[in-house]
Amino acid sequence: MRLQKFLSQAGVCSRRHGEQYILAGRIAVNGRVVAELGTKVDPVQDRVEVDGRPVQLTQTLIYIALNKPRGYVTSCRQPDEKLVVDLVDIPQRVYPVGRLDKDSSGLLLLTNDGRLHHRLSHPSFDHEKEYIVAVDRPIADGALSRMARGMPILGAPTRPAAVKRLTPNRFRITLQEGRNRQIRRMVRKVGHRVTRLQRVRIANITLGRLAPGSWRHLTAKEKAALLP
């Protein structure tokens, strides 16, 4: 199998990040550093190392829902930062699916299954992500309507979104895409500033009463809905 697929199934990282690891010279196969993306390995016969540490295919696939607190980054390696992976105390190595910026909180999925990362990251699957947003002052109905219809950010219009007011300065928004800091950019576009952003749902998985910094394994029903 391709080396980046091996890294994904072994729970090291997603395939995309696996390509970055390979190009950075962090992967060795049978004692030789490999920097070619087309490299294939035999999971049984070949010895694969990441940063000098041996890696094997993971036998048990792990799926976790975490309530990410503010101040943590969705990265597996970032010096001088608090990492979401450090909140999950299990022997298997898992990595975040998608991103939730440092100043945001709420539902984040972690796994060692590269298939899930692909399904939730690729726009063709249309998985919804739902957020509760607080802004700096009361927001007008017209501004909420603009966000619901779609607006240009990062060089292209956003897709239509479901938006519902909760209080004068709080609303719920459901997206089927996930551009970089999308909600914060949309709110800024209508003249406001986000003061609190919490993700409460990804596809069929809800945050529920999970406390900040706490996590749980997905149920069999949740996994079946995500990976039919």
Protein backbone atom coordinates (compact mmCIF):
# COMPACT_ATOMS: atom_id res chain seq x y z
CA MET A 1 0.00 0.00 0.00
CA ARG A 2 1.08 3.60 -0.45
CA LEU A 3 3.13 4.94 2.42
CA GLN A 4 0.75 7.79 3.23
CA LYS A 5 -2.16 5.32 3.42
CA PHE A 6 -0.10 3.15 5.78
CA LEU A 7 0.56 6.17 8.01
CA SER A 8 -3.15 7.01 8.07
CA GLN A 9 -4.25 3.47 8.92
CA ALA A 10 -1.52 3.22 11.56
CA GLY A 11 -3.05 6.26 13.28
CA VAL A 12 -0.04 8.52 12.75
CA CYS A 13 -1.82 11.24 10.77
CA SER A 14 -4.18 11.84 7.86
CA ARG A 15 -3.02 10.99 4.34
CA ARG A 16 -2.54 14.68 3.54
CA HIS A 17 -0.33 15.19 6.58
CA GLY A 18 1.42 11.91 5.74
CA GLU A 19 2.50 13.43 2.45
CA GLN A 20 3.95 16.39 4.33
CA TYR A 21 5.81 14.04 6.70
CA ILE A 22 7.29 12.17 3.72
CA LEU A 23 8.40 15.34 1.92
CA ALA A 24 9.95 16.60 5.17
CA GLY A 25 12.12 13.47 5.42
CA ARG A 26 10.54 12.29 8.68
CA ILE A 27 9.71 8.78 7.42
CA ALA A 28 12.15 5.88 7.09
CA VAL A 29 11.42 2.48 5.54
CA ASN A 30 13.76 -0.35 6.46
CA GLY A 31 16.26 2.13 7.83
CA ARG A 32 16.30 4.40 4.76
CA VAL A 33 14.71 7.86 4.73
CA VAL A 34 12.00 8.05 2.06
CA ALA A 35 11.00 11.34 0.42
CA GLU A 36 9.02 10.10 -2.61
CA LEU A 37 5.22 10.30 -2.40
CA GLY A 38 4.69 7.25 -4.61
CA THR A 39 6.55 4.92 -2.25
CA LYS A 40 4.75 1.68 -1.41
CA VAL A 41 5.31 -0.53 1.61
CA ASP A 42 4.41 -4.04 2.69
CA PRO A 43 2.68 -3.63 6.08
CA VAL A 44 3.89 -7.09 7.14
CA GLN A 45 7.44 -7.20 5.82
CA ASP A 46 8.63 -3.56 5.88
CA ARG A 47 9.75 -1.63 8.96
CA VAL A 48 8.37 1.93 8.98
CA GLU A 49 9.63 4.60 11.36
CA VAL A 50 8.39 8.14 12.02
CA ASP A 51 11.00 10.43 13.57
CA GLY A 52 12.97 7.31 14.48
CA ARG A 53 10.04 5.55 16.20
CA PRO A 54 8.64 2.31 14.72
CA VAL A 55 5.03 2.37 13.53
CA GLN A 56 2.69 -0.57 12.97
CA LEU A 57 -0.81 -0.81 11.62
CA THR A 58 -3.38 -0.22 14.31
CA GLN A 59 -5.65 -3.21 14.88
CA THR A 60 -8.36 -1.37 16.80
CA LEU A 61 -9.97 1.70 15.25
CA ILE A 62 -10.76 4.44 17.76
CA TYR A 63 -13.47 7.12 17.39
CA ILE A 64 -13.68 9.82 20.06
CA ALA A 65 -15.86 12.90 20.66
CA LEU A 66 -14.09 15.63 22.65
CA ASN A 67 -15.37 18.91 24.07
CA LYS A 68 -12.44 21.12 23.13
CA PRO A 69 -11.85 23.99 25.58
CA ARG A 70 -10.73 27.42 24.38
CA GLY A 71 -6.96 27.83 24.30
CA TYR A 72 -6.18 24.40 22.81
CA VAL A 73 -5.00 23.86 19.23
CA THR A 74 -6.13 21.04 16.93
CA SER A 75 -2.63 19.90 16.10
CA CYS A 76 -0.63 16.82 17.02
CA ARG A 77 2.64 18.76 17.23
CA GLN A 78 3.01 22.47 17.91
CA PRO A 79 5.66 23.77 20.30
CA ASP A 80 4.58 25.89 23.28
CA GLU A 81 0.87 25.23 22.68
CA LYS A 82 -1.74 23.16 24.51
CA LEU A 83 -2.75 20.27 22.23
CA VAL A 84 -6.17 18.61 22.06
CA VAL A 85 -4.54 15.17 21.76
CA ASP A 86 -3.10 15.61 25.26
CA LEU A 87 -6.64 15.68 26.66
CA VAL A 88 -7.31 12.09 25.51
CA ASP A 89 -5.64 9.58 27.82
CA ILE A 90 -5.54 6.35 25.81
CA PRO A 91 -2.62 4.16 24.68
CA GLN A 92 -3.56 4.41 20.99
CA ARG A 93 -2.50 7.41 18.97
CA VAL A 94 -5.37 9.46 17.52
CA TYR A 95 -5.49 12.71 15.59
CA PRO A 96 -8.12 15.44 15.10
CA VAL A 97 -10.62 15.28 12.25
CA GLY A 98 -10.85 18.77 10.79
CA ARG A 99 -10.05 21.90 12.75
CA LEU A 100 -11.48 24.12 15.45
CA ASP A 101 -9.45 27.27 15.99
CA LYS A 102 -7.67 28.03 19.25
CA ASP A 103 -10.22 30.60 20.45
CA SER A 104 -13.21 28.34 19.71
CA SER A 105 -14.63 25.51 21.78
CA GLY A 106 -16.94 22.55 21.40
CA LEU A 107 -17.23 19.28 19.56
CA LEU A 108 -14.14 17.80 17.95
CA LEU A 109 -13.72 14.27 16.66
CA LEU A 110 -10.46 12.34 17.00
CA THR A 111 -9.64 9.00 15.39
CA ASN A 112 -6.94 6.72 14.01
CA ASP A 113 -9.10 5.91 10.97
CA GLY A 114 -8.07 7.82 7.85
CA ARG A 115 -11.41 7.01 6.16
CA LEU A 116 -13.31 9.14 8.65
CA HIS A 117 -10.99 12.09 8.08
CA HIS A 118 -11.67 11.86 4.35
CA ARG A 119 -15.45 11.57 4.72
CA LEU A 120 -15.75 14.55 7.07
CA SER A 121 -13.22 16.75 5.27
CA HIS A 122 -14.29 16.27 1.65
CA PRO A 123 -17.08 18.69 0.57
CA SER A 124 -18.80 16.03 -1.57
CA PHE A 125 -20.18 14.32 1.54
CA ASP A 126 -22.10 17.44 2.73
CA HIS A 127 -21.79 16.72 6.46
CA GLU A 128 -23.36 19.48 8.55
CA LYS A 129 -21.53 21.32 11.31
CA GLU A 130 -23.60 23.33 13.79
CA TYR A 131 -22.36 26.22 15.94
CA ILE A 132 -23.60 28.60 18.63
CA VAL A 133 -22.17 32.08 18.06
CA ALA A 134 -22.10 35.14 20.35
CA VAL A 135 -21.18 38.55 18.94
CA ASP A 136 -20.09 41.84 20.47
CA ARG A 137 -23.49 43.59 20.28
CA PRO A 138 -27.05 42.93 19.06
CA ILE A 139 -27.05 41.76 15.47
CA ALA A 140 -29.69 42.80 12.94
CA ASP A 141 -31.99 40.37 11.13
CA GLY A 142 -30.56 41.59 7.85
CA ALA A 143 -27.05 40.57 8.86
CA LEU A 144 -28.25 37.08 9.77
CA SER A 145 -30.04 36.85 6.41
CA ARG A 146 -26.87 37.80 4.56
CA MET A 147 -24.97 35.00 6.26
CA ALA A 148 -27.79 32.56 5.51
CA ARG A 149 -27.83 33.44 1.79
CA GLY A 150 -24.05 33.26 1.42
CA MET A 151 -21.43 35.93 1.01
CA PRO A 152 -18.00 36.27 -0.63
CA ILE A 153 -15.03 35.39 1.59
CA LEU A 154 -11.58 34.15 0.63
CA GLY A 155 -12.33 34.80 -3.04
CA ALA A 156 -15.54 32.78 -3.38
CA PRO A 157 -19.12 32.90 -2.05
CA THR A 158 -20.04 30.76 0.92
CA ARG A 159 -22.73 28.13 0.54
CA PRO A 160 -26.21 28.88 1.92
CA ALA A 161 -26.44 28.21 5.67
CA ALA A 162 -29.22 27.66 8.19
CA VAL A 163 -29.21 30.59 10.65
CA LYS A 164 -31.53 31.02 13.66
CA ARG A 165 -31.50 33.83 16.19
CA LEU A 166 -31.28 32.76 19.87
CA THR A 167 -30.94 36.14 21.66
CA PRO A 168 -30.20 39.70 20.48
CA ASN A 169 -26.47 38.89 20.20
CA ARG A 170 -26.46 35.08 19.87
CA PHE A 171 -27.42 32.83 16.96
CA ARG A 172 -27.16 29.26 15.74
CA ILE A 173 -25.60 28.55 12.33
CA THR A 174 -25.32 25.27 10.43
CA LEU A 175 -22.75 24.94 7.65
CA GLN A 176 -22.00 22.28 5.04
CA GLU A 177 -18.48 23.54 4.48
CA GLY A 178 -15.55 24.49 6.66
CA ARG A 179 -13.28 27.20 5.33
CA ASN A 180 -10.54 28.71 7.45
CA ARG A 181 -12.16 30.74 10.27
CA GLN A 182 -15.28 30.93 8.11
CA ILE A 183 -17.81 32.04 10.72
CA ARG A 184 -15.51 34.69 12.16
CA ARG A 185 -14.92 36.07 8.65
CA MET A 186 -18.65 36.09 7.89
CA VAL A 187 -19.46 37.90 11.13
CA ARG A 188 -16.74 40.45 10.46
CA LYS A 189 -18.20 40.97 6.98
CA VAL A 190 -21.49 42.16 8.50
CA GLY A 191 -19.73 44.53 10.90
CA HIS A 192 -19.53 42.47 14.10
CA ARG A 193 -16.95 40.56 16.12
CA VAL A 194 -17.30 37.03 17.50
CA THR A 195 -16.93 36.87 21.28
CA ARG A 196 -17.70 33.17 21.67
CA LEU A 197 -17.89 30.32 19.16
CA GLN A 198 -18.90 26.80 20.12
CA ARG A 199 -19.44 23.82 17.83
CA VAL A 200 -22.32 21.66 19.06
CA ARG A 201 -22.79 19.13 16.27
CA ILE A 202 -20.88 17.35 13.50
CA ALA A 203 -23.16 15.31 11.22
CA ASN A 204 -25.10 13.01 13.60
CA ILE A 205 -22.74 13.52 16.57
CA THR A 206 -23.86 16.07 19.19
CA LEU A 207 -21.92 17.71 21.99
CA GLY A 208 -24.68 17.08 24.52
CA ARG A 209 -23.62 17.51 28.15
CA LEU A 210 -19.98 16.60 27.64
CA ALA A 211 -17.95 18.87 29.94
CA PRO A 212 -15.12 21.04 28.57
CA GLY A 213 -11.95 18.95 28.31
CA SER A 214 -13.89 15.68 28.60
CA TRP A 215 -14.24 13.01 25.93
CA ARG A 216 -16.13 9.82 25.14
CA HIS A 217 -16.03 6.98 22.62
CA LEU A 218 -18.61 7.16 19.86
CA THR A 219 -21.46 4.68 20.10
CA ALA A 220 -21.89 1.89 17.56
CA LYS A 221 -24.90 3.73 16.14
CA GLU A 222 -22.91 6.97 15.73
CA LYS A 223 -20.05 5.15 13.99
CA ALA A 224 -22.42 3.34 11.65
CA ALA A 225 -24.01 6.63 10.57
CA LEU A 226 -20.63 8.26 9.92
CA LEU A 227 -19.13 5.31 8.03
CA PRO A 228 -21.94 3.43 6.27
